[in-house]
Amino acid sequence: MFTGVCQLPSFPVILSIMSSKNFSSIPVLDYSLALSSSTKPTFILNLRNALINVGFLYLSNTDAVIDQALVESLKSYIPKLFDLPQDEKDKIRMANSPHFLGYSRLGAELTKGKTDYREQFDIATDHVSRWRPGDPDFWNVWGPSQYPDESLIPGFQQTMKNYLTQVAALGTTFITLIAEALSLPPDGLSRFYDTPDRMQHRGKVVQYPVPSERSVSNQGVGPHYDAGFLTILLQASPHPGLQVQNLTGDWIDAPPIPGTFVINFGRALEFASKGIVRATSHRVLSPPVGSSSPRYSVPFFHNIALDVRVRDPEYEIEFPPEILALRDERGSLSQTDSVNYSEFESQPSGMVQLMGRVKSHPDVAQRHYPALFERFFPDGLPTAGFAY
């Protein structure tokens, strides 16, 4: 098995390969190349370009880690999940959970203060909250998931758990590849993670319905960054809608490619890498009016430890000069339509996550985190276009 840091082409060659500062499409990386010592350097070089210059990539040929039969099984469950009776879905509504896990009705989430037109189930890897009275509130942002009644959708819970386990394993391995792409040892980013029993990673199963002809917005989910180190997205239906914002502010389509996952990098990694890695603004548009079916997707958010302050000296990473030079050659990241998760500059990761969830799900915050709710919503729950 290949170990150690990949030996890449010399610095001038890397610069010539990575000279494009903007992008007009999302690169496709073949994961099987990372599994052989003879092809791994090529994979690492392509990953480096995606990390620094794009912030997004498609990942193909992941069969060695993720069972494709399991993926197809999960996809077959998704329409059945959203077709459950409304009262059964409401039994596991997110407002029941201080961990922001559970069901959200159509129109029950905000991005940049505007209503997202999507319905979703937030489901995470198994975890027992370690929070006790007197502990920081953000320790309670992780905890057990809520699942629909097994008799109503037999097999879904175990299928979802198996999927989350496999995607989490891919994420853990991918973090070592990111480290190598930044010319660090494979464990160069391990300081940002806790022991497995103290970690939780979060998934969503999302439906973007076809809007009515009277709809005034096509916002499936508004422009945003993701929080952690990386997101692994299964686009579970053939509908387009995902768009990524490049350095000049243009929106670039990232349509589904069969047999791939979309991977993007979050604000925590951008801050931890001193701006080397791009957290890229993205959004999802609703299916066009008249479409025959909704768009389905399953994002998975690979988190870092709750107590980590990525800008504290104990977490500081010394990057090689050639990597810093690539960041400088790209230039400063321009203003985008996304503004979220800037709190990584000063707050622990868990607090950043909690504040993000409060702003997105004020009904949950009002019930479980009243002080933060009052801080962000001094006039009470927003009502216009919002469903609880």
Protein backbone atom coordinates (compact mmCIF):
# COMPACT_ATOMS: atom_id res chain seq x y z
CA MET A 1 0.00 0.00 0.00
CA PHE A 2 1.26 3.47 -0.86
CA THR A 3 2.14 5.60 2.18
CA GLY A 4 3.74 8.97 2.70
CA VAL A 5 3.39 12.21 0.81
CA CYS A 6 3.04 11.92 -2.97
CA GLN A 7 5.98 13.02 -5.07
CA LEU A 8 4.53 15.52 -7.52
CA PRO A 9 6.04 17.25 -10.53
CA SER A 10 8.46 20.09 -9.80
CA PHE A 11 7.09 23.47 -8.81
CA PRO A 12 7.31 25.23 -12.22
CA VAL A 13 5.33 22.41 -13.86
CA ILE A 14 2.62 22.68 -11.21
CA LEU A 15 2.32 26.39 -11.81
CA SER A 16 1.80 25.91 -15.53
CA ILE A 17 -0.87 23.27 -14.94
CA MET A 18 -2.72 25.43 -12.43
CA SER A 19 -2.42 28.84 -14.07
CA SER A 20 -6.17 29.29 -14.70
CA LYS A 21 -7.53 31.51 -11.92
CA ASN A 22 -11.17 31.10 -12.87
CA PHE A 23 -13.29 28.14 -13.96
CA SER A 24 -16.20 27.55 -16.30
CA SER A 25 -16.82 23.87 -15.52
CA ILE A 26 -16.36 21.45 -12.63
CA PRO A 27 -13.46 18.96 -12.94
CA VAL A 28 -14.10 15.21 -12.80
CA LEU A 29 -11.60 13.18 -10.74
CA ASP A 30 -11.28 9.40 -10.98
CA TYR A 31 -11.04 8.04 -7.43
CA SER A 32 -9.52 4.75 -8.62
CA LEU A 33 -6.36 6.69 -9.52
CA ALA A 34 -5.85 7.45 -5.82
CA LEU A 35 -5.66 3.73 -5.01
CA SER A 36 -2.48 2.94 -6.96
CA SER A 37 1.01 4.26 -6.24
CA SER A 38 1.64 4.69 -9.97
CA THR A 39 -1.41 6.90 -10.61
CA LYS A 40 -1.86 8.57 -7.24
CA PRO A 41 0.41 11.55 -8.05
CA THR A 42 -1.85 12.42 -11.00
CA PHE A 43 -4.91 12.26 -8.77
CA ILE A 44 -3.24 14.42 -6.10
CA LEU A 45 -2.24 17.04 -8.66
CA ASN A 46 -5.80 17.25 -10.02
CA LEU A 47 -7.16 17.43 -6.48
CA ARG A 48 -4.77 20.28 -5.73
CA ASN A 49 -6.15 22.25 -8.65
CA ALA A 50 -9.74 21.62 -7.49
CA LEU A 51 -8.92 22.64 -3.92
CA ILE A 52 -7.20 25.89 -4.78
CA ASN A 53 -8.89 27.08 -7.95
CA VAL A 54 -12.41 25.63 -8.01
CA GLY A 55 -13.65 24.42 -4.62
CA PHE A 56 -15.80 21.75 -6.29
CA LEU A 57 -15.24 18.47 -8.12
CA TYR A 58 -17.04 15.39 -9.36
CA LEU A 59 -15.67 12.10 -8.01
CA SER A 60 -16.11 8.98 -10.12
CA ASN A 61 -15.29 5.28 -9.63
CA THR A 62 -15.84 5.14 -5.86
CA ASP A 63 -16.96 1.48 -5.92
CA ALA A 64 -14.03 0.43 -3.71
CA VAL A 65 -15.54 2.45 -0.85
CA ILE A 66 -19.26 2.87 -1.57
CA ASP A 67 -21.51 0.00 -2.65
CA GLN A 68 -23.35 1.17 -5.76
CA ALA A 69 -26.18 -1.29 -5.06
CA LEU A 70 -26.62 0.48 -1.71
CA VAL A 71 -26.75 3.85 -3.49
CA GLU A 72 -29.44 2.60 -5.87
CA SER A 73 -31.41 1.15 -2.96
CA LEU A 74 -31.31 4.49 -1.13
CA LYS A 75 -32.42 6.33 -4.26
CA SER A 76 -35.42 3.99 -4.58
CA TYR A 77 -36.52 4.88 -1.03
CA ILE A 78 -36.45 8.66 -1.48
CA PRO A 79 -39.81 9.20 -3.26
CA LYS A 80 -41.46 6.83 -0.76
CA LEU A 81 -39.99 8.85 2.10
CA PHE A 82 -41.57 12.08 0.92
CA ASP A 83 -44.83 10.32 0.06
CA LEU A 84 -45.35 9.33 3.70
CA PRO A 85 -48.52 10.79 5.26
CA GLN A 86 -47.94 14.36 6.44
CA ASP A 87 -48.91 13.55 10.01
CA GLU A 88 -46.32 10.76 10.13
CA LYS A 89 -43.59 13.06 8.84
CA ASP A 90 -44.61 15.70 11.38
CA LYS A 91 -44.15 13.18 14.21
CA ILE A 92 -40.39 13.48 13.65
CA ARG A 93 -40.28 17.21 12.91
CA MET A 94 -36.98 18.92 13.53
CA ALA A 95 -38.44 21.11 16.27
CA ASN A 96 -38.51 18.00 18.50
CA SER A 97 -34.72 17.82 18.41
CA PRO A 98 -32.15 20.12 20.05
CA HIS A 99 -29.71 18.55 17.55
CA PHE A 100 -31.56 19.99 14.52
CA LEU A 101 -32.24 16.46 13.23
CA GLY A 102 -35.57 15.42 11.78
CA TYR A 103 -38.15 16.48 9.23
CA SER A 104 -38.62 20.00 7.85
CA ARG A 105 -41.78 20.90 5.96
CA LEU A 106 -41.68 22.57 2.58
CA GLY A 107 -40.63 26.18 3.14
CA ALA A 108 -39.39 25.67 6.71
CA GLU A 109 -35.78 26.79 6.19
CA LEU A 110 -34.13 30.12 5.51
CA THR A 111 -30.99 31.00 3.56
CA LYS A 112 -29.84 34.62 3.73
CA GLY A 113 -33.21 35.43 5.29
CA LYS A 114 -35.21 34.08 2.34
CA THR A 115 -37.36 30.94 2.30
CA ASP A 116 -35.95 27.84 0.63
CA TYR A 117 -38.44 25.87 -1.44
CA ARG A 118 -37.48 22.38 -0.33
CA GLU A 119 -38.64 19.61 1.99
CA GLN A 120 -36.07 17.54 3.84
CA PHE A 121 -35.07 15.02 6.46
CA ASP A 122 -31.86 15.75 8.39
CA ILE A 123 -30.31 12.42 9.46
CA ALA A 124 -26.83 12.01 10.93
CA THR A 125 -24.41 9.22 11.79
CA ASP A 126 -25.16 7.54 15.11
CA HIS A 127 -24.16 9.63 18.11
CA VAL A 128 -25.02 10.15 21.78
CA SER A 129 -24.95 13.79 22.86
CA ARG A 130 -22.30 14.47 25.50
CA TRP A 131 -23.98 17.70 26.60
CA ARG A 132 -24.94 18.06 30.29
CA PRO A 133 -26.42 21.10 32.06
CA GLY A 134 -23.68 23.69 32.40
CA ASP A 135 -21.82 22.55 29.27
CA PRO A 136 -21.54 24.84 26.24
CA ASP A 137 -24.77 24.83 24.23
CA PHE A 138 -22.93 23.86 21.08
CA TRP A 139 -22.00 20.46 22.54
CA ASN A 140 -25.67 19.59 22.05
CA VAL A 141 -25.71 20.33 18.33
CA TRP A 142 -24.86 16.63 17.79
CA GLY A 143 -27.11 13.82 18.98
CA PRO A 144 -29.46 11.00 17.91
CA SER A 145 -31.46 11.13 14.69
CA GLN A 146 -35.20 10.76 14.24
CA TYR A 147 -36.48 8.18 11.74
CA PRO A 148 -39.98 7.53 10.42
CA ASP A 149 -41.91 4.50 11.68
CA GLU A 150 -40.20 1.37 10.35
CA SER A 151 -43.53 -0.23 9.47
CA LEU A 152 -44.31 2.61 7.06
CA ILE A 153 -41.06 2.39 5.10
CA PRO A 154 -39.44 -0.99 5.92
CA GLY A 155 -35.66 -1.09 5.51
CA PHE A 156 -35.12 2.62 5.02
CA GLN A 157 -33.49 3.25 8.40
CA GLN A 158 -30.84 0.55 7.98
CA THR A 159 -30.22 1.51 4.36
CA MET A 160 -29.68 5.13 5.36
CA LYS A 161 -27.38 4.16 8.24
CA ASN A 162 -25.31 1.93 5.95
CA TYR A 163 -25.05 4.70 3.39
CA LEU A 164 -23.96 7.29 5.96
CA THR A 165 -21.33 4.89 7.32
CA GLN A 166 -19.83 4.30 3.89
CA VAL A 167 -19.85 7.95 2.87
CA ALA A 168 -18.29 8.92 6.21
CA ALA A 169 -15.49 6.43 5.50
CA LEU A 170 -14.95 8.00 2.08
CA GLY A 171 -14.80 11.42 3.73
CA THR A 172 -12.25 10.29 6.29
CA THR A 173 -10.01 8.87 3.56
CA PHE A 174 -10.50 11.93 1.38
CA ILE A 175 -9.24 14.17 4.17
CA THR A 176 -5.87 12.37 3.98
CA LEU A 177 -5.79 12.96 0.21
CA ILE A 178 -6.54 16.65 0.75
CA ALA A 179 -3.62 16.82 3.18
CA GLU A 180 -1.28 15.30 0.61
CA ALA A 181 -2.57 17.66 -2.09
CA LEU A 182 -1.52 20.51 0.21
CA SER A 183 1.96 18.93 0.55
CA LEU A 184 1.28 17.76 4.12
CA PRO A 185 1.64 14.24 5.51
CA PRO A 186 -1.53 12.13 5.18
CA ASP A 187 -2.37 12.88 8.83
CA GLY A 188 -1.67 16.59 8.38
CA LEU A 189 -5.30 17.56 9.05
CA SER A 190 -5.99 15.03 11.82
CA ARG A 191 -5.59 17.66 14.55
CA PHE A 192 -9.02 19.02 13.60
CA TYR A 193 -10.82 15.76 14.44
CA ASP A 194 -11.72 14.13 17.74
CA THR A 195 -11.88 10.42 18.55
CA PRO A 196 -14.57 8.60 16.50
CA ASP A 197 -16.91 8.28 19.49
CA ARG A 198 -16.94 12.08 19.85
CA MET A 199 -17.59 12.82 16.16
CA GLN A 200 -20.80 13.09 14.17
CA HIS A 201 -21.36 13.73 10.47
CA ARG A 202 -24.66 15.01 9.11
CA GLY A 203 -26.71 14.05 6.08
CA LYS A 204 -29.91 15.30 4.47
CA VAL A 205 -32.44 13.74 2.15
CA VAL A 206 -33.88 16.62 0.15
CA GLN A 207 -36.80 17.08 -2.24
CA TYR A 208 -37.02 20.18 -4.42
CA PRO A 209 -40.63 20.21 -5.70
CA VAL A 210 -41.69 21.70 -8.99
CA PRO A 211 -42.98 25.22 -8.16
CA SER A 212 -46.39 26.38 -9.25
CA GLU A 213 -46.82 28.86 -12.05
CA ARG A 214 -47.69 31.48 -9.41
CA SER A 215 -44.33 31.10 -7.66
CA VAL A 216 -42.29 34.30 -7.48
CA SER A 217 -39.00 32.57 -6.62
CA ASN A 218 -36.99 29.67 -7.98
CA GLN A 219 -34.86 29.42 -4.82
CA GLY A 220 -34.54 25.74 -3.99
CA VAL A 221 -31.81 26.77 -1.57
CA GLY A 222 -30.19 30.18 -1.68
CA PRO A 223 -26.50 31.04 -2.14
CA HIS A 224 -24.38 29.72 0.71
CA TYR A 225 -21.12 28.14 1.79
CA ASP A 226 -20.92 24.85 3.64
CA ALA A 227 -19.46 24.80 7.13
CA GLY A 228 -17.00 21.95 7.59
CA PHE A 229 -14.05 20.55 5.69
CA LEU A 230 -15.94 18.81 2.88
CA THR A 231 -19.39 17.90 1.59
CA ILE A 232 -20.17 14.77 -0.42
CA LEU A 233 -23.34 15.15 -2.50
CA LEU A 234 -25.36 12.45 -4.20
CA GLN A 235 -27.51 14.02 -6.92
CA ALA A 236 -30.22 11.37 -6.70
CA SER A 237 -32.32 12.32 -9.73
CA PRO A 238 -31.42 13.51 -13.23
CA HIS A 239 -32.61 17.08 -12.66
CA PRO A 240 -30.15 19.97 -13.00
CA GLY A 241 -30.31 22.83 -10.51
CA LEU A 242 -27.00 22.89 -8.63
CA GLN A 243 -24.96 25.95 -9.55
CA VAL A 244 -21.50 27.05 -8.43
CA GLN A 245 -20.23 30.63 -8.39
CA ASN A 246 -16.81 31.27 -9.92
CA LEU A 247 -14.31 34.02 -9.19
CA THR A 248 -15.97 36.51 -11.54
CA GLY A 249 -19.39 35.90 -9.97
CA ASP A 250 -20.84 33.82 -12.82
CA TRP A 251 -23.07 30.86 -11.94
CA ILE A 252 -21.75 27.60 -13.41
CA ASP A 253 -24.07 24.60 -13.78
CA ALA A 254 -23.09 21.37 -12.02
CA PRO A 255 -25.62 18.91 -13.50
CA PRO A 256 -25.85 15.30 -12.31
CA ILE A 257 -23.31 12.92 -13.86
CA PRO A 258 -24.35 9.27 -13.40
CA GLY A 259 -22.03 7.28 -11.15
CA THR A 260 -20.42 10.31 -9.50
CA PHE A 261 -20.58 12.28 -6.30
CA VAL A 262 -20.05 16.03 -6.09
CA ILE A 263 -17.50 17.09 -3.49
CA ASN A 264 -17.03 20.64 -2.30
CA PHE A 265 -15.00 22.27 0.45
CA GLY A 266 -16.30 24.26 3.38
CA ARG A 267 -15.42 27.43 5.25
CA ALA A 268 -13.65 25.60 8.08
CA LEU A 269 -11.11 24.21 5.63
CA GLU A 270 -10.72 27.60 3.97
CA PHE A 271 -9.89 29.21 7.32
CA ALA A 272 -7.69 26.31 8.50
CA SER A 273 -5.70 26.41 5.25
CA LYS A 274 -5.05 30.16 5.42
CA GLY A 275 -7.24 30.70 2.37
CA ILE A 276 -5.42 28.16 0.22
CA VAL A 277 -8.53 26.01 -0.21
CA ARG A 278 -11.61 27.59 -1.74
CA ALA A 279 -14.98 27.40 -0.06
CA THR A 280 -17.13 28.10 -3.09
CA SER A 281 -20.54 29.78 -3.08
CA HIS A 282 -23.31 27.58 -4.47
CA ARG A 283 -27.09 27.36 -4.72
CA VAL A 284 -29.86 25.09 -6.03
CA LEU A 285 -32.60 26.25 -8.38
CA SER A 286 -36.01 24.62 -8.27
CA PRO A 287 -36.99 22.40 -11.21
CA PRO A 288 -38.55 24.47 -13.99
CA VAL A 289 -42.30 24.99 -13.88
CA GLY A 290 -43.91 22.16 -15.81
CA SER A 291 -41.30 19.54 -14.90
CA SER A 292 -42.75 16.08 -14.36
CA SER A 293 -41.04 15.27 -11.05
CA PRO A 294 -39.07 16.83 -8.15
CA ARG A 295 -35.31 17.01 -7.83
CA TYR A 296 -33.82 14.73 -5.13
CA SER A 297 -30.41 15.01 -3.50
CA VAL A 298 -28.55 13.60 -0.50
CA PRO A 299 -25.78 15.90 0.80
CA PHE A 300 -23.39 14.62 3.47
CA PHE A 301 -21.41 17.06 5.63
CA HIS A 302 -18.12 15.74 7.01
CA ASN A 303 -17.63 17.75 10.20
CA ILE A 304 -14.60 18.65 12.30
CA ALA A 305 -14.55 18.47 16.11
CA LEU A 306 -16.92 20.74 18.02
CA ASP A 307 -14.26 22.34 20.24
CA VAL A 308 -11.79 23.21 17.48
CA ARG A 309 -11.00 26.88 16.87
CA VAL A 310 -9.39 26.66 13.45
CA ARG A 311 -7.57 29.99 13.80
CA ASP A 312 -6.04 29.28 17.23
CA PRO A 313 -2.23 28.85 17.29
CA GLU A 314 -2.49 25.22 18.46
CA TYR A 315 -4.19 24.34 15.16
CA GLU A 316 -1.98 26.45 12.90
CA ILE A 317 -0.42 24.59 9.96
CA GLU A 318 2.82 25.53 8.27
CA PHE A 319 2.35 25.10 4.53
CA PRO A 320 5.27 24.78 2.08
CA PRO A 321 6.16 27.96 0.18
CA GLU A 322 5.12 26.45 -3.16
CA ILE A 323 1.59 25.85 -1.88
CA LEU A 324 1.32 29.39 -0.53
CA ALA A 325 2.58 30.64 -3.89
CA LEU A 326 -0.26 28.83 -5.68
CA ARG A 327 -2.74 30.55 -3.39
CA ASP A 328 -1.15 33.92 -4.11
CA GLU A 329 -1.11 33.27 -7.85
CA ARG A 330 -4.85 32.59 -7.78
CA GLY A 331 -5.37 35.84 -5.93
CA SER A 332 -7.79 36.84 -3.22
CA LEU A 333 -11.22 35.25 -3.27
CA SER A 334 -13.72 37.73 -4.65
CA GLN A 335 -16.99 38.79 -3.09
CA THR A 336 -19.78 36.30 -3.74
CA ASP A 337 -23.48 36.04 -2.98
CA SER A 338 -22.70 33.95 0.11
CA VAL A 339 -21.74 35.39 3.48
CA ASN A 340 -22.27 32.60 6.00
CA TYR A 341 -19.87 30.92 8.46
CA SER A 342 -17.45 33.84 8.78
CA GLU A 343 -17.56 33.10 12.54
CA PHE A 344 -14.82 30.48 12.04
CA GLU A 345 -12.48 33.46 12.40
CA SER A 346 -13.08 33.52 16.17
CA GLN A 347 -15.57 30.87 17.34
CA PRO A 348 -15.23 27.13 18.04
CA SER A 349 -16.52 24.92 15.27
CA GLY A 350 -19.53 23.74 17.26
CA MET A 351 -20.66 27.29 17.96
CA VAL A 352 -20.36 28.18 14.27
CA GLN A 353 -22.49 25.17 13.41
CA LEU A 354 -25.06 26.05 16.06
CA MET A 355 -25.38 29.65 14.90
CA GLY A 356 -25.81 28.49 11.32
CA ARG A 357 -28.57 26.10 12.32
CA VAL A 358 -30.31 28.74 14.44
CA LYS A 359 -30.40 31.17 11.51
CA SER A 360 -31.72 28.48 9.16
CA HIS A 361 -34.27 26.91 11.53
CA PRO A 362 -35.61 29.61 13.88
CA ASP A 363 -38.52 27.45 15.08
CA VAL A 364 -36.07 24.88 16.46
CA ALA A 365 -33.98 27.62 18.03
CA GLN A 366 -36.98 29.25 19.69
CA ARG A 367 -37.77 25.99 21.44
CA HIS A 368 -34.29 24.78 22.39
CA TYR A 369 -31.93 27.80 22.25
CA PRO A 370 -34.04 30.81 23.30
CA ALA A 371 -31.09 33.14 23.97
CA LEU A 372 -29.62 32.62 20.50
CA PHE A 373 -33.09 32.85 18.98
CA GLU A 374 -33.62 36.25 20.60
CA ARG A 375 -30.22 37.40 19.37
CA PHE A 376 -30.89 36.58 15.73
CA PHE A 377 -34.67 37.06 15.65
CA PRO A 378 -35.46 39.91 18.08
CA ASP A 379 -38.84 40.46 16.38
CA GLY A 380 -39.90 36.83 16.79
CA LEU A 381 -40.43 34.10 14.22
CA PRO A 382 -40.43 35.26 10.61
CA THR A 383 -43.77 34.56 8.98
CA ALA A 384 -43.78 35.67 5.34
CA GLY A 385 -43.63 32.62 3.11
CA PHE A 386 -42.43 30.45 5.98
CA ALA A 387 -43.99 27.12 7.06
CA TYR A 388 -43.52 25.54 10.48
